[in-house]
Amino acid sequence: PKNKDEKKYTSQYAYDTVTDTVVSVLCYNDEITDNKEDILSEGTGTIISSDGYIVTNSHVIGDSKQYTINIALNNSKEYEAKIVGYDTRTDLAVLKIDAKNLNYAKFYDSSKIKVGQDIVAIGNPGGQSFQNSLTKGIISAVDRELALSSNVNYIQIDAAINPGNSGGGLFNGSGQMIGLIVAKSSGT
C-alpha cells in the first residue's frame, strides 16, 4: 500500500488480515474420515482466489495426485479438494475447492523485498491442532539457492518454521503474500 510505513502495519495487523486465507491441507489414502489416524500427512495452504484456488507445496500432497485431499478452513468448514496440478521442481501445487466468496491472500511483488524487512509466517506447525500459528521474523537474505532446486531462488527468513508449516504463506506487515514456506534448514 502507498502508506506502507504507517505504524498500523504490525504482525497483529498482518495476522488479522490473512488468517482466513491460511488453511489446513490433510491427505488421506482413499476417503476422508473423522479418524485422525487415517491422515497420511498434513500441511498448510493459502487461498489465492475467492473461488477456491489454493497454493501449497508439492511435497505436502506427496508429489502426486494419488491422495484424497481435505481442506479445513479457519472457520472449521471443510472441503474436498481437487489437485489442479503440481510441480516437484519448484515444490508448488495448486488445489481447488468448490467454494465461493472466500477471503484470499493479496500478492506483493517479491522482487521489491529487502533484507531486514519484517515478515510473518502463518501455518500449522505440528498439524491442524496448531492451525494458523504465527511466527515473526525478518528477511535474512534474498535470492538464495538451495540444493533442493536449481530452478528457484529462495527468500531466507529467521522466523521459526516447523513441520506442518510447509505451504503456508509468508506475509509482510500489510498482510500481502511475498512467498510460500517451502524448506527448513537446521543443524542436527
C-alpha atoms as a PDB file:
ATOM      1  CA  PRO A   1       0.000   0.000   0.000  1.00  0.00           C
ATOM      2  CA  LYS A   2       1.017   3.598  -0.523  1.00  0.00           C
ATOM      3  CA  ASN A   3       1.002   4.235   3.213  1.00  0.00           C
ATOM      4  CA  LYS A   4       3.099   1.122   3.963  1.00  0.00           C
ATOM      5  CA  ASP A   5       5.221   2.940   6.546  1.00  0.00           C
ATOM      6  CA  GLU A   6       2.274   3.608   8.856  1.00  0.00           C
ATOM      7  CA  LYS A   7       2.651   2.134  12.322  1.00  0.00           C
ATOM      8  CA  LYS A   8      -0.575   0.131  11.973  1.00  0.00           C
ATOM      9  CA  TYR A   9       1.198  -2.462   9.808  1.00  0.00           C
ATOM     10  CA  THR A  10       2.283  -4.831  12.538  1.00  0.00           C
ATOM     11  CA  SER A  11       2.377  -8.593  12.857  1.00  0.00           C
ATOM     12  CA  GLN A  12      -1.059  -8.408  14.532  1.00  0.00           C
ATOM     13  CA  TYR A  13      -2.438  -6.406  11.590  1.00  0.00           C
ATOM     14  CA  ALA A  14      -0.991  -8.908   9.105  1.00  0.00           C
ATOM     15  CA  TYR A  15      -2.416 -11.856  11.052  1.00  0.00           C
ATOM     16  CA  ASP A  16      -5.875 -10.307  11.285  1.00  0.00           C
ATOM     17  CA  THR A  17      -5.774  -9.541   7.557  1.00  0.00           C
ATOM     18  CA  VAL A  18      -4.768 -13.011   6.347  1.00  0.00           C
ATOM     19  CA  THR A  19      -5.750 -15.567   8.985  1.00  0.00           C
ATOM     20  CA  ASP A  20      -8.840 -16.600   6.995  1.00  0.00           C
ATOM     21  CA  THR A  21      -6.709 -17.254   3.910  1.00  0.00           C
ATOM     22  CA  VAL A  22      -4.493 -19.875   5.572  1.00  0.00           C
ATOM     23  CA  VAL A  23      -5.889 -23.430   5.571  1.00  0.00           C
ATOM     24  CA  SER A  24      -5.025 -26.937   6.708  1.00  0.00           C
ATOM     25  CA  VAL A  25      -4.234 -29.468   3.986  1.00  0.00           C
ATOM     26  CA  LEU A  26      -4.956 -33.039   5.083  1.00  0.00           C
ATOM     27  CA  CYS A  27      -4.036 -36.021   2.892  1.00  0.00           C
ATOM     28  CA  TYR A  28      -5.879 -39.352   3.031  1.00  0.00           C
ATOM     29  CA  ASN A  29      -5.209 -42.602   1.196  1.00  0.00           C
ATOM     30  CA  ASP A  30      -8.751 -43.141  -0.059  1.00  0.00           C
ATOM     31  CA  GLU A  31     -11.658 -41.402   1.595  1.00  0.00           C
ATOM     32  CA  ILE A  32     -11.844 -38.571   4.084  1.00  0.00           C
ATOM     33  CA  THR A  33     -12.771 -39.811   7.548  1.00  0.00           C
ATOM     34  CA  ASP A  34     -13.116 -38.400  11.048  1.00  0.00           C
ATOM     35  CA  ASN A  35     -10.361 -40.724  12.265  1.00  0.00           C
ATOM     36  CA  LYS A  36      -7.147 -38.730  12.722  1.00  0.00           C
ATOM     37  CA  GLU A  37      -5.160 -41.951  12.293  1.00  0.00           C
ATOM     38  CA  ASP A  38      -6.282 -42.056   8.623  1.00  0.00           C
ATOM     39  CA  ILE A  39      -4.431 -38.793   7.885  1.00  0.00           C
ATOM     40  CA  LEU A  40      -1.256 -39.640   5.970  1.00  0.00           C
ATOM     41  CA  SER A  41       0.228 -36.153   6.023  1.00  0.00           C
ATOM     42  CA  GLU A  42      -0.682 -32.614   6.983  1.00  0.00           C
ATOM     43  CA  GLY A  43       0.485 -29.244   5.832  1.00  0.00           C
ATOM     44  CA  THR A  44      -0.680 -25.748   5.164  1.00  0.00           C
ATOM     45  CA  GLY A  45      -2.120 -23.976   2.148  1.00  0.00           C
ATOM     46  CA  THR A  46      -3.026 -20.423   1.247  1.00  0.00           C
ATOM     47  CA  ILE A  47      -6.213 -19.386  -0.567  1.00  0.00           C
ATOM     48  CA  ILE A  48      -5.297 -17.299  -3.610  1.00  0.00           C
ATOM     49  CA  SER A  49      -8.709 -16.647  -5.189  1.00  0.00           C
ATOM     50  CA  SER A  50     -12.252 -16.031  -3.956  1.00  0.00           C
ATOM     51  CA  ASP A  51     -13.492 -19.075  -5.892  1.00  0.00           C
ATOM     52  CA  GLY A  52     -11.337 -21.617  -4.067  1.00  0.00           C
ATOM     53  CA  TYR A  53      -7.887 -21.912  -5.615  1.00  0.00           C
ATOM     54  CA  ILE A  54      -5.266 -22.789  -3.020  1.00  0.00           C
ATOM     55  CA  VAL A  55      -1.486 -22.917  -3.307  1.00  0.00           C
ATOM     56  CA  THR A  56       0.647 -25.269  -1.242  1.00  0.00           C
ATOM     57  CA  ASN A  57       3.825 -27.282  -1.631  1.00  0.00           C
ATOM     58  CA  SER A  58       4.024 -30.284  -3.905  1.00  0.00           C
ATOM     59  CA  HIS A  59       5.621 -32.284  -1.102  1.00  0.00           C
ATOM     60  CA  VAL A  60       2.578 -31.596   1.120  1.00  0.00           C
ATOM     61  CA  ILE A  61       0.417 -33.630  -1.293  1.00  0.00           C
ATOM     62  CA  GLY A  62       3.064 -36.319  -1.701  1.00  0.00           C
ATOM     63  CA  ASP A  63       4.296 -35.020  -5.078  1.00  0.00           C
ATOM     64  CA  SER A  64       1.409 -36.851  -6.713  1.00  0.00           C
ATOM     65  CA  LYS A  65      -2.318 -36.996  -7.404  1.00  0.00           C
ATOM     66  CA  GLN A  66      -2.755 -40.252  -5.507  1.00  0.00           C
ATOM     67  CA  TYR A  67      -4.203 -38.849  -2.275  1.00  0.00           C
ATOM     68  CA  THR A  68      -7.631 -37.598  -1.354  1.00  0.00           C
ATOM     69  CA  ILE A  69      -7.194 -34.046  -0.057  1.00  0.00           C
ATOM     70  CA  ASN A  70      -9.312 -32.380   2.611  1.00  0.00           C
ATOM     71  CA  ILE A  71      -9.080 -28.628   3.209  1.00  0.00           C
ATOM     72  CA  ALA A  72     -10.042 -27.259   6.633  1.00  0.00           C
ATOM     73  CA  LEU A  73     -10.698 -23.525   6.716  1.00  0.00           C
ATOM     74  CA  ASN A  74     -10.050 -21.368   9.750  1.00  0.00           C
ATOM     75  CA  ASN A  75     -13.829 -21.209  10.369  1.00  0.00           C
ATOM     76  CA  SER A  76     -13.975 -25.058  10.682  1.00  0.00           C
ATOM     77  CA  LYS A  77     -15.647 -25.589   7.278  1.00  0.00           C
ATOM     78  CA  GLU A  78     -14.127 -28.462   5.327  1.00  0.00           C
ATOM     79  CA  TYR A  79     -13.981 -29.206   1.609  1.00  0.00           C
ATOM     80  CA  GLU A  80     -12.589 -31.990  -0.507  1.00  0.00           C
ATOM     81  CA  ALA A  81     -10.009 -30.532  -2.886  1.00  0.00           C
ATOM     82  CA  LYS A  82      -9.125 -31.412  -6.438  1.00  0.00           C
ATOM     83  CA  ILE A  83      -5.450 -31.322  -7.370  1.00  0.00           C
ATOM     84  CA  VAL A  84      -5.224 -28.908 -10.306  1.00  0.00           C
ATOM     85  CA  GLY A  85      -1.512 -29.509 -10.758  1.00  0.00           C
ATOM     86  CA  TYR A  86       1.840 -29.816  -9.072  1.00  0.00           C
ATOM     87  CA  ASP A  87       5.490 -29.293  -9.931  1.00  0.00           C
ATOM     88  CA  THR A  88       8.178 -31.125  -7.993  1.00  0.00           C
ATOM     89  CA  ARG A  89      10.998 -28.922  -9.352  1.00  0.00           C
ATOM     90  CA  THR A  90       9.546 -25.800  -7.749  1.00  0.00           C
ATOM     91  CA  ASP A  91       7.708 -27.683  -4.963  1.00  0.00           C
ATOM     92  CA  LEU A  92       4.420 -25.969  -5.823  1.00  0.00           C
ATOM     93  CA  ALA A  93       0.927 -27.392  -6.052  1.00  0.00           C
ATOM     94  CA  VAL A  94      -2.427 -25.819  -6.852  1.00  0.00           C
ATOM     95  CA  LEU A  95      -5.614 -27.206  -5.347  1.00  0.00           C
ATOM     96  CA  LYS A  96      -9.257 -26.241  -5.938  1.00  0.00           C
ATOM     97  CA  ILE A  97     -12.224 -26.438  -3.602  1.00  0.00           C
ATOM     98  CA  ASP A  98     -15.848 -25.847  -4.551  1.00  0.00           C
ATOM     99  CA  ALA A  99     -16.455 -22.638  -2.615  1.00  0.00           C
ATOM    100  CA  LYS A 100     -17.302 -19.017  -3.358  1.00  0.00           C
ATOM    101  CA  ASN A 101     -16.658 -15.615  -1.783  1.00  0.00           C
ATOM    102  CA  LEU A 102     -13.588 -16.739   0.136  1.00  0.00           C
ATOM    103  CA  ASN A 103     -11.079 -14.340   1.607  1.00  0.00           C
ATOM    104  CA  TYR A 104      -7.837 -14.716  -0.317  1.00  0.00           C
ATOM    105  CA  ALA A 105      -4.264 -13.558   0.003  1.00  0.00           C
ATOM    106  CA  LYS A 106      -3.208 -10.486  -1.934  1.00  0.00           C
ATOM    107  CA  PHE A 107       0.229 -10.717  -3.529  1.00  0.00           C
ATOM    108  CA  TYR A 108       3.189  -8.381  -3.140  1.00  0.00           C
ATOM    109  CA  ASP A 109       5.942  -8.096  -5.737  1.00  0.00           C
ATOM    110  CA  SER A 110       8.638 -10.250  -4.121  1.00  0.00           C
ATOM    111  CA  SER A 111      11.318  -8.569  -6.251  1.00  0.00           C
ATOM    112  CA  LYS A 112      10.813  -5.471  -4.058  1.00  0.00           C
ATOM    113  CA  ILE A 113      11.505  -7.139  -0.718  1.00  0.00           C
ATOM    114  CA  LYS A 114      14.578  -6.114   1.223  1.00  0.00           C
ATOM    115  CA  VAL A 115      16.883  -7.731   3.755  1.00  0.00           C
ATOM    116  CA  GLY A 116      15.797  -6.667   7.252  1.00  0.00           C
ATOM    117  CA  GLN A 117      12.128  -6.291   6.312  1.00  0.00           C
ATOM    118  CA  ASP A 118       9.693  -7.603   8.926  1.00  0.00           C
ATOM    119  CA  ILE A 119       7.705 -10.695   7.945  1.00  0.00           C
ATOM    120  CA  VAL A 120       5.262 -13.151   9.453  1.00  0.00           C
ATOM    121  CA  ALA A 121       4.871 -16.813   8.590  1.00  0.00           C
ATOM    122  CA  ILE A 122       1.469 -18.354   9.218  1.00  0.00           C
ATOM    123  CA  GLY A 123       0.915 -22.082   9.140  1.00  0.00           C
ATOM    124  CA  ASN A 124       0.144 -25.255  11.010  1.00  0.00           C
ATOM    125  CA  PRO A 125       3.322 -26.379  12.769  1.00  0.00           C
ATOM    126  CA  GLY A 126       2.637 -29.848  14.065  1.00  0.00           C
ATOM    127  CA  GLY A 127      -0.624 -30.171  12.146  1.00  0.00           C
ATOM    128  CA  GLN A 128      -4.201 -28.972  12.307  1.00  0.00           C
ATOM    129  CA  SER A 129      -4.296 -28.812  16.103  1.00  0.00           C
ATOM    130  CA  PHE A 130      -1.912 -25.846  15.803  1.00  0.00           C
ATOM    131  CA  GLN A 131      -3.757 -24.248  12.872  1.00  0.00           C
ATOM    132  CA  ASN A 132      -2.871 -20.670  11.974  1.00  0.00           C
ATOM    133  CA  SER A 133       0.121 -20.233  14.258  1.00  0.00           C
ATOM    134  CA  LEU A 134       2.146 -17.104  13.604  1.00  0.00           C
ATOM    135  CA  THR A 135       5.893 -16.688  13.823  1.00  0.00           C
ATOM    136  CA  LYS A 136       7.570 -13.369  13.247  1.00  0.00           C
ATOM    137  CA  GLY A 137      10.974 -12.505  11.891  1.00  0.00           C
ATOM    138  CA  ILE A 138      12.868 -10.658   9.231  1.00  0.00           C
ATOM    139  CA  ILE A 139      14.110 -11.366   5.758  1.00  0.00           C
ATOM    140  CA  SER A 140      17.668 -12.563   6.279  1.00  0.00           C
ATOM    141  CA  ALA A 141      18.636 -12.824   2.600  1.00  0.00           C
ATOM    142  CA  VAL A 142      17.082 -12.883  -0.864  1.00  0.00           C
ATOM    143  CA  ASP A 143      17.840 -14.938  -3.975  1.00  0.00           C
ATOM    144  CA  ARG A 144      19.287 -17.876  -2.066  1.00  0.00           C
ATOM    145  CA  GLU A 145      19.938 -21.083  -3.959  1.00  0.00           C
ATOM    146  CA  LEU A 146      19.444 -24.416  -2.232  1.00  0.00           C
ATOM    147  CA  ALA A 147      20.429 -27.916  -3.188  1.00  0.00           C
ATOM    148  CA  LEU A 148      16.690 -28.662  -3.250  1.00  0.00           C
ATOM    149  CA  SER A 149      16.260 -26.938  -6.599  1.00  0.00           C
ATOM    150  CA  SER A 150      18.385 -25.050  -9.060  1.00  0.00           C
ATOM    151  CA  ASN A 151      15.225 -23.648 -10.669  1.00  0.00           C
ATOM    152  CA  VAL A 152      14.126 -21.458  -7.776  1.00  0.00           C
ATOM    153  CA  ASN A 153      15.682 -18.688  -5.760  1.00  0.00           C
ATOM    154  CA  TYR A 154      14.538 -18.590  -2.152  1.00  0.00           C
ATOM    155  CA  ILE A 155      13.854 -15.959   0.476  1.00  0.00           C
ATOM    156  CA  GLN A 156      15.766 -16.747   3.671  1.00  0.00           C
ATOM    157  CA  ILE A 157      13.996 -15.765   6.899  1.00  0.00           C
ATOM    158  CA  ASP A 158      14.762 -16.129  10.569  1.00  0.00           C
ATOM    159  CA  ALA A 159      11.196 -16.891  11.744  1.00  0.00           C
ATOM    160  CA  ALA A 160      10.668 -20.278  13.390  1.00  0.00           C
ATOM    161  CA  ILE A 161       9.452 -22.894  10.912  1.00  0.00           C
ATOM    162  CA  ASN A 162       8.322 -26.377  11.924  1.00  0.00           C
ATOM    163  CA  PRO A 163       6.936 -29.473  10.193  1.00  0.00           C
ATOM    164  CA  GLY A 164       3.416 -28.618   9.068  1.00  0.00           C
ATOM    165  CA  ASN A 165       4.277 -25.019   8.143  1.00  0.00           C
ATOM    166  CA  SER A 166       5.003 -26.153   4.577  1.00  0.00           C
ATOM    167  CA  GLY A 167       2.687 -24.438   2.121  1.00  0.00           C
ATOM    168  CA  GLY A 168       1.803 -21.626   4.499  1.00  0.00           C
ATOM    169  CA  GLY A 169       2.134 -18.021   3.484  1.00  0.00           C
ATOM    170  CA  LEU A 170       4.969 -15.633   4.143  1.00  0.00           C
ATOM    171  CA  PHE A 171       3.491 -12.159   4.553  1.00  0.00           C
ATOM    172  CA  ASN A 172       4.666  -8.588   5.007  1.00  0.00           C
ATOM    173  CA  GLY A 173       3.245  -6.329   7.722  1.00  0.00           C
ATOM    174  CA  SER A 174       0.477  -5.177   5.370  1.00  0.00           C
ATOM    175  CA  GLY A 175      -0.738  -8.749   5.052  1.00  0.00           C
ATOM    176  CA  GLN A 176       0.438  -9.139   1.473  1.00  0.00           C
ATOM    177  CA  MET A 177       1.851 -12.519   0.471  1.00  0.00           C
ATOM    178  CA  ILE A 178       5.514 -12.394  -0.509  1.00  0.00           C
ATOM    179  CA  GLY A 179       6.249 -16.102  -0.589  1.00  0.00           C
ATOM    180  CA  LEU A 180       5.389 -19.632   0.420  1.00  0.00           C
ATOM    181  CA  ILE A 181       7.068 -21.601   3.194  1.00  0.00           C
ATOM    182  CA  VAL A 182       8.992 -24.370   1.446  1.00  0.00           C
ATOM    183  CA  ALA A 183      12.047 -25.561   3.361  1.00  0.00           C
ATOM    184  CA  LYS A 184      13.607 -25.568   6.762  1.00  0.00           C
ATOM    185  CA  SER A 185      17.335 -25.687   7.281  1.00  0.00           C
ATOM    186  CA  SER A 186      18.602 -26.650  10.702  1.00  0.00           C
ATOM    187  CA  GLY A 187      21.545 -28.158  12.497  1.00  0.00           C
ATOM    188  CA  THR A 188      21.447 -31.637  13.940  1.00  0.00           C
END
